[in-house]
């Protein structure tokens, strides 16, 4: 089961520096809404092929 979230996060893209993104993110195979921003950072980073430390979640809320 997947869940959709409205998110704002900053991704560190190396030489390009940090870039802020906002929009809809769909996370596959989620049974519960993540409550820890570090977990959400890991999930987003995995999808972007980044390390979890390179993603900082600023805001997220589940879309119904």
Protein backbone atom coordinates (compact mmCIF):
# COMPACT_ATOMS: atom_id res chain seq x y z
CA UNK A 1 0.00 0.00 0.00
CA UNK A 2 1.38 3.42 -0.87
CA UNK A 3 0.74 6.77 0.79
CA UNK A 4 0.90 10.26 -0.64
CA UNK A 5 2.31 13.18 1.32
CA UNK A 6 2.68 16.87 0.72
CA UNK A 7 6.31 17.50 1.68
CA UNK A 8 8.87 20.26 1.88
CA UNK A 9 12.46 19.16 2.12
CA UNK A 10 16.00 20.28 1.38
CA UNK A 11 18.30 17.98 -0.57
CA UNK A 12 22.06 18.55 -0.53
CA UNK A 13 23.14 17.98 -4.11
CA UNK A 14 26.90 18.20 -3.59
CA UNK A 15 28.50 20.91 -5.70
CA UNK A 16 25.10 22.44 -6.45
CA UNK A 17 24.46 22.95 -2.73
CA UNK A 18 21.12 22.58 -0.99
CA UNK A 19 17.90 22.85 -2.97
CA UNK A 20 14.44 23.08 -1.47
CA UNK A 21 11.64 21.03 -2.93
CA UNK A 22 7.93 20.98 -2.22
CA UNK A 23 5.17 18.87 -3.65
CA UNK A 24 3.57 15.47 -3.59
CA UNK A 25 5.70 12.47 -2.65
CA UNK A 26 4.34 8.94 -2.93
CA UNK A 27 5.93 6.34 -0.68
CA UNK A 28 5.44 2.69 -1.56
CA UNK A 29 4.78 -0.09 0.92
CA UNK A 30 3.98 2.12 3.90
CA UNK A 31 1.58 0.69 6.46
CA UNK A 32 1.71 3.63 8.85
CA UNK A 33 2.28 7.35 8.56
CA UNK A 34 5.94 8.05 9.43
CA UNK A 35 6.15 10.15 12.59
CA UNK A 36 9.93 10.49 12.71
CA UNK A 37 11.38 12.98 10.21
CA UNK A 38 14.60 10.93 10.05
CA UNK A 39 12.64 7.94 8.73
CA UNK A 40 10.95 10.09 6.12
CA UNK A 41 14.36 11.53 5.17
CA UNK A 42 15.67 7.99 4.67
CA UNK A 43 12.74 7.04 2.46
CA UNK A 44 13.02 10.16 0.29
CA UNK A 45 16.81 9.86 0.09
CA UNK A 46 16.56 6.25 -1.04
CA UNK A 47 14.25 7.24 -3.90
CA UNK A 48 16.62 10.07 -4.92
CA UNK A 49 19.75 7.88 -4.61
CA UNK A 50 21.12 10.12 -1.85
CA UNK A 51 22.34 9.44 1.66
CA UNK A 52 19.82 10.07 4.43
CA UNK A 53 22.06 12.83 5.84
CA UNK A 54 21.66 14.73 2.56
CA UNK A 55 17.89 15.15 2.98
CA UNK A 56 16.28 17.33 5.63
CA UNK A 57 12.49 17.18 5.86
CA UNK A 58 10.96 20.55 6.76
CA UNK A 59 7.26 19.66 6.67
CA UNK A 60 5.04 16.75 5.69
CA UNK A 61 1.38 15.88 5.91
CA UNK A 62 -0.52 12.95 4.54
CA UNK A 63 -2.95 13.48 1.70
CA UNK A 64 -6.27 11.69 2.01
